[in-house]
């Protein structure tokens, strides 16, 4: 799979089975799971199913989950990608950073690359994202990349905020 994407400071690499333990470690991190996983701890088997689903999506639809790796340190600091949520017509933007990688602009940089990929390679007309209402940092990222809040609603008992950006 050669869908490696590059930004000024980051490499975005498709998550393969060999990255299962790394993805699991990210998803069970208390900071990440607070907002992304509704504070649930995913089992290794659940994460393996995600990796398989991501690989299948890459093969069939040219999207999935990418690890975010810093170029200088060659350290995996999180993931970014496109994922099917809420029976939408197309996938949503998703990302997560480990706490030590936050507040450095990495999420904005990786999310911007995903927008570019969606609009220029996948020819999407728009992109959606959602996050828990209390997750102010994710809301700031969506605003920085030009997304607009379009809706708030309760899903599975959690207050969510939905964002959208149109291809210009």
C-alpha atoms as a PDB file:
ATOM      1  CA  UNK A   1       0.000   0.000   0.000  1.00  0.00           C
ATOM      2  CA  UNK A   2       1.578   3.288  -1.080  1.00  0.00           C
ATOM      3  CA  UNK A   3      -0.864   5.819   0.309  1.00  0.00           C
ATOM      4  CA  UNK A   4       1.772   7.553   2.433  1.00  0.00           C
ATOM      5  CA  UNK A   5       0.959  11.251   2.715  1.00  0.00           C
ATOM      6  CA  UNK A   6       3.422  13.937   3.718  1.00  0.00           C
ATOM      7  CA  UNK A   7       3.195  17.352   5.322  1.00  0.00           C
ATOM      8  CA  UNK A   8       5.926  19.745   6.380  1.00  0.00           C
ATOM      9  CA  UNK A   9       6.518  17.961   9.706  1.00  0.00           C
ATOM     10  CA  UNK A  10       4.595  14.698   9.424  1.00  0.00           C
ATOM     11  CA  UNK A  11       4.322  11.425   7.564  1.00  0.00           C
ATOM     12  CA  UNK A  12       0.870   9.853   7.423  1.00  0.00           C
ATOM     13  CA  UNK A  13       1.176   6.100   6.941  1.00  0.00           C
ATOM     14  CA  UNK A  14      -1.709   3.669   6.434  1.00  0.00           C
ATOM     15  CA  UNK A  15      -2.182   1.502   9.501  1.00  0.00           C
ATOM     16  CA  UNK A  16      -1.297  -2.103   8.752  1.00  0.00           C
ATOM     17  CA  UNK A  17      -1.643  -5.221  10.892  1.00  0.00           C
ATOM     18  CA  UNK A  18       1.934  -4.710  12.066  1.00  0.00           C
ATOM     19  CA  UNK A  19       0.720  -1.509  13.760  1.00  0.00           C
ATOM     20  CA  UNK A  20      -1.994  -3.232  15.786  1.00  0.00           C
ATOM     21  CA  UNK A  21      -0.295  -2.839  19.182  1.00  0.00           C
ATOM     22  CA  UNK A  22       0.592   0.799  18.479  1.00  0.00           C
ATOM     23  CA  UNK A  23      -3.001   1.656  17.543  1.00  0.00           C
ATOM     24  CA  UNK A  24      -4.275  -0.224  20.596  1.00  0.00           C
ATOM     25  CA  UNK A  25      -1.915   1.756  22.848  1.00  0.00           C
ATOM     26  CA  UNK A  26      -3.196   5.024  21.369  1.00  0.00           C
ATOM     27  CA  UNK A  27      -6.850   4.059  21.730  1.00  0.00           C
ATOM     28  CA  UNK A  28      -6.531   2.941  25.367  1.00  0.00           C
ATOM     29  CA  UNK A  29      -4.633   6.078  26.392  1.00  0.00           C
ATOM     30  CA  UNK A  30      -6.857   7.820  28.952  1.00  0.00           C
ATOM     31  CA  UNK A  31      -6.540  11.199  27.175  1.00  0.00           C
ATOM     32  CA  UNK A  32      -7.563   9.746  23.801  1.00  0.00           C
ATOM     33  CA  UNK A  33     -10.365   7.541  25.017  1.00  0.00           C
ATOM     34  CA  UNK A  34     -11.940  10.346  27.075  1.00  0.00           C
ATOM     35  CA  UNK A  35     -13.464  11.866  23.943  1.00  0.00           C
ATOM     36  CA  UNK A  36     -12.852   9.465  21.093  1.00  0.00           C
ATOM     37  CA  UNK A  37     -13.941   6.203  22.684  1.00  0.00           C
ATOM     38  CA  UNK A  38     -16.591   7.388  25.168  1.00  0.00           C
ATOM     39  CA  UNK A  39     -14.038   6.398  27.827  1.00  0.00           C
ATOM     40  CA  UNK A  40     -14.346   2.710  26.888  1.00  0.00           C
ATOM     41  CA  UNK A  41     -11.244   0.548  26.729  1.00  0.00           C
ATOM     42  CA  UNK A  42     -11.136  -1.326  23.438  1.00  0.00           C
ATOM     43  CA  UNK A  43      -9.842  -4.884  23.503  1.00  0.00           C
ATOM     44  CA  UNK A  44      -6.967  -5.895  21.255  1.00  0.00           C
ATOM     45  CA  UNK A  45      -9.490  -7.922  19.238  1.00  0.00           C
ATOM     46  CA  UNK A  46     -11.723  -4.854  18.701  1.00  0.00           C
ATOM     47  CA  UNK A  47      -8.731  -2.834  17.509  1.00  0.00           C
ATOM     48  CA  UNK A  48      -7.687  -5.689  15.217  1.00  0.00           C
ATOM     49  CA  UNK A  49     -11.167  -5.547  13.663  1.00  0.00           C
ATOM     50  CA  UNK A  50     -10.690  -1.796  13.127  1.00  0.00           C
ATOM     51  CA  UNK A  51      -7.339  -2.398  11.422  1.00  0.00           C
ATOM     52  CA  UNK A  52      -8.886  -5.025   9.131  1.00  0.00           C
ATOM     53  CA  UNK A  53     -11.792  -2.695   8.337  1.00  0.00           C
ATOM     54  CA  UNK A  54      -9.329   0.114   7.599  1.00  0.00           C
ATOM     55  CA  UNK A  55      -7.258  -2.091   5.295  1.00  0.00           C
ATOM     56  CA  UNK A  56     -10.399  -3.198   3.446  1.00  0.00           C
ATOM     57  CA  UNK A  57     -11.496   0.442   3.093  1.00  0.00           C
ATOM     58  CA  UNK A  58      -8.095   1.373   1.665  1.00  0.00           C
ATOM     59  CA  UNK A  59      -8.366  -1.417  -0.908  1.00  0.00           C
ATOM     60  CA  UNK A  60     -11.982  -0.717  -1.853  1.00  0.00           C
ATOM     61  CA  UNK A  61     -12.426   3.029  -1.278  1.00  0.00           C
ATOM     62  CA  UNK A  62      -8.879   4.470  -0.974  1.00  0.00           C
ATOM     63  CA  UNK A  63      -9.413   5.699   2.582  1.00  0.00           C
ATOM     64  CA  UNK A  64      -8.962   4.424   6.106  1.00  0.00           C
ATOM     65  CA  UNK A  65      -6.741   5.229   9.085  1.00  0.00           C
ATOM     66  CA  UNK A  66      -3.206   6.603   8.892  1.00  0.00           C
ATOM     67  CA  UNK A  67      -0.672   6.785  11.700  1.00  0.00           C
ATOM     68  CA  UNK A  68       0.682  10.289  12.294  1.00  0.00           C
ATOM     69  CA  UNK A  69       4.460  10.083  12.540  1.00  0.00           C
ATOM     70  CA  UNK A  70       6.825  12.991  13.143  1.00  0.00           C
ATOM     71  CA  UNK A  71       9.522  13.302  10.484  1.00  0.00           C
ATOM     72  CA  UNK A  72      12.266  14.437  12.855  1.00  0.00           C
ATOM     73  CA  UNK A  73      11.758  11.960  15.702  1.00  0.00           C
ATOM     74  CA  UNK A  74      10.086   9.256  13.573  1.00  0.00           C
ATOM     75  CA  UNK A  75       7.677   8.827  16.474  1.00  0.00           C
ATOM     76  CA  UNK A  76       4.043   7.763  16.112  1.00  0.00           C
ATOM     77  CA  UNK A  77       1.995  10.415  17.906  1.00  0.00           C
ATOM     78  CA  UNK A  78      -1.547   9.506  16.899  1.00  0.00           C
ATOM     79  CA  UNK A  79      -3.695   8.752  13.893  1.00  0.00           C
ATOM     80  CA  UNK A  80      -5.869  10.526  11.355  1.00  0.00           C
ATOM     81  CA  UNK A  81      -8.210   9.281   8.710  1.00  0.00           C
ATOM     82  CA  UNK A  82     -11.633   8.863   7.277  1.00  0.00           C
ATOM     83  CA  UNK A  83     -14.106   6.571   9.014  1.00  0.00           C
ATOM     84  CA  UNK A  84     -17.742   5.622   8.527  1.00  0.00           C
ATOM     85  CA  UNK A  85     -19.948   6.909  11.358  1.00  0.00           C
ATOM     86  CA  UNK A  86     -23.704   7.343  11.814  1.00  0.00           C
ATOM     87  CA  UNK A  87     -24.720   5.848   8.431  1.00  0.00           C
ATOM     88  CA  UNK A  88     -23.585   8.955   6.549  1.00  0.00           C
ATOM     89  CA  UNK A  89     -23.160   8.966   2.743  1.00  0.00           C
ATOM     90  CA  UNK A  90     -19.395   9.235   3.082  1.00  0.00           C
ATOM     91  CA  UNK A  91     -16.843   8.902   5.865  1.00  0.00           C
ATOM     92  CA  UNK A  92     -16.036  11.545   8.455  1.00  0.00           C
ATOM     93  CA  UNK A  93     -12.702  13.022   9.392  1.00  0.00           C
ATOM     94  CA  UNK A  94     -11.303  11.390  12.537  1.00  0.00           C
ATOM     95  CA  UNK A  95      -8.072  12.014  14.419  1.00  0.00           C
ATOM     96  CA  UNK A  96      -6.486  11.444  17.778  1.00  0.00           C
ATOM     97  CA  UNK A  97      -3.195  12.581  19.282  1.00  0.00           C
ATOM     98  CA  UNK A  98      -1.405  11.315  22.325  1.00  0.00           C
ATOM     99  CA  UNK A  99      -1.363  14.021  25.036  1.00  0.00           C
ATOM    100  CA  UNK A 100       2.348  14.834  24.662  1.00  0.00           C
ATOM    101  CA  UNK A 101       1.752  15.702  20.984  1.00  0.00           C
ATOM    102  CA  UNK A 102      -1.093  18.162  21.556  1.00  0.00           C
ATOM    103  CA  UNK A 103      -0.919  21.953  21.268  1.00  0.00           C
ATOM    104  CA  UNK A 104       1.822  21.787  18.611  1.00  0.00           C
ATOM    105  CA  UNK A 105      -0.361  22.110  15.515  1.00  0.00           C
ATOM    106  CA  UNK A 106      -0.011  18.451  14.519  1.00  0.00           C
ATOM    107  CA  UNK A 107      -3.769  17.750  14.489  1.00  0.00           C
ATOM    108  CA  UNK A 108      -4.393  20.795  12.296  1.00  0.00           C
ATOM    109  CA  UNK A 109      -1.550  19.810   9.954  1.00  0.00           C
ATOM    110  CA  UNK A 110      -2.754  16.213   9.618  1.00  0.00           C
ATOM    111  CA  UNK A 111      -6.428  17.215   9.261  1.00  0.00           C
ATOM    112  CA  UNK A 112      -5.519  19.756   6.564  1.00  0.00           C
ATOM    113  CA  UNK A 113      -3.760  16.987   4.631  1.00  0.00           C
ATOM    114  CA  UNK A 114      -6.902  14.835   4.941  1.00  0.00           C
ATOM    115  CA  UNK A 115      -9.002  17.681   3.502  1.00  0.00           C
ATOM    116  CA  UNK A 116      -6.604  17.979   0.591  1.00  0.00           C
ATOM    117  CA  UNK A 117      -6.727  14.216   0.052  1.00  0.00           C
ATOM    118  CA  UNK A 118     -10.551  14.160   0.179  1.00  0.00           C
ATOM    119  CA  UNK A 119     -11.036  17.019  -2.219  1.00  0.00           C
ATOM    120  CA  UNK A 120      -8.149  16.430  -4.648  1.00  0.00           C
ATOM    121  CA  UNK A 121      -7.781  12.632  -4.710  1.00  0.00           C
ATOM    122  CA  UNK A 122     -11.212  11.302  -3.729  1.00  0.00           C
ATOM    123  CA  UNK A 123     -13.117  14.196  -5.358  1.00  0.00           C
ATOM    124  CA  UNK A 124     -15.474  14.639  -2.410  1.00  0.00           C
ATOM    125  CA  UNK A 125     -17.752  17.681  -2.589  1.00  0.00           C
ATOM    126  CA  UNK A 126     -17.722  18.096   1.212  1.00  0.00           C
ATOM    127  CA  UNK A 127     -16.324  16.582   4.385  1.00  0.00           C
ATOM    128  CA  UNK A 128     -17.941  16.082   7.790  1.00  0.00           C
ATOM    129  CA  UNK A 129     -16.460  15.761  11.254  1.00  0.00           C
ATOM    130  CA  UNK A 130     -17.997  15.362  14.674  1.00  0.00           C
ATOM    131  CA  UNK A 131     -16.767  15.464  18.236  1.00  0.00           C
ATOM    132  CA  UNK A 132     -18.074  15.414  21.779  1.00  0.00           C
ATOM    133  CA  UNK A 133     -19.373  18.859  22.759  1.00  0.00           C
ATOM    134  CA  UNK A 134     -16.907  19.149  25.693  1.00  0.00           C
ATOM    135  CA  UNK A 135     -13.948  18.457  23.372  1.00  0.00           C
ATOM    136  CA  UNK A 136     -13.039  22.097  22.772  1.00  0.00           C
ATOM    137  CA  UNK A 137      -9.598  21.285  21.334  1.00  0.00           C
ATOM    138  CA  UNK A 138     -11.119  19.245  18.498  1.00  0.00           C
ATOM    139  CA  UNK A 139     -13.632  21.993  17.840  1.00  0.00           C
ATOM    140  CA  UNK A 140     -10.746  24.466  17.502  1.00  0.00           C
ATOM    141  CA  UNK A 141      -9.024  22.160  14.983  1.00  0.00           C
ATOM    142  CA  UNK A 142     -12.164  21.973  12.838  1.00  0.00           C
ATOM    143  CA  UNK A 143     -12.436  25.766  12.897  1.00  0.00           C
ATOM    144  CA  UNK A 144      -8.742  26.186  11.975  1.00  0.00           C
ATOM    145  CA  UNK A 145      -9.172  23.979   8.906  1.00  0.00           C
ATOM    146  CA  UNK A 146     -12.219  25.957   7.788  1.00  0.00           C
ATOM    147  CA  UNK A 147     -15.060  23.710   8.920  1.00  0.00           C
ATOM    148  CA  UNK A 148     -18.325  25.220  10.112  1.00  0.00           C
ATOM    149  CA  UNK A 149     -20.551  23.919  12.894  1.00  0.00           C
ATOM    150  CA  UNK A 150     -23.779  22.667  11.326  1.00  0.00           C
ATOM    151  CA  UNK A 151     -25.561  20.736  14.062  1.00  0.00           C
ATOM    152  CA  UNK A 152     -25.585  19.605  17.675  1.00  0.00           C
ATOM    153  CA  UNK A 153     -27.397  16.472  18.776  1.00  0.00           C
ATOM    154  CA  UNK A 154     -27.369  13.669  21.316  1.00  0.00           C
ATOM    155  CA  UNK A 155     -26.086  10.324  19.972  1.00  0.00           C
ATOM    156  CA  UNK A 156     -26.038   7.295  22.270  1.00  0.00           C
ATOM    157  CA  UNK A 157     -26.485   9.634  25.232  1.00  0.00           C
ATOM    158  CA  UNK A 158     -23.509  11.846  24.286  1.00  0.00           C
ATOM    159  CA  UNK A 159     -23.788  15.483  23.165  1.00  0.00           C
ATOM    160  CA  UNK A 160     -22.062  15.764  19.766  1.00  0.00           C
ATOM    161  CA  UNK A 161     -21.186  18.708  17.570  1.00  0.00           C
ATOM    162  CA  UNK A 162     -21.102  18.217  13.784  1.00  0.00           C
ATOM    163  CA  UNK A 163     -18.974  20.209  11.348  1.00  0.00           C
ATOM    164  CA  UNK A 164     -18.857  20.467   7.563  1.00  0.00           C
ATOM    165  CA  UNK A 165     -16.672  21.988   4.889  1.00  0.00           C
ATOM    166  CA  UNK A 166     -17.483  22.288   1.211  1.00  0.00           C
ATOM    167  CA  UNK A 167     -14.963  21.850  -1.565  1.00  0.00           C
ATOM    168  CA  UNK A 168     -14.077  25.296  -2.855  1.00  0.00           C
END
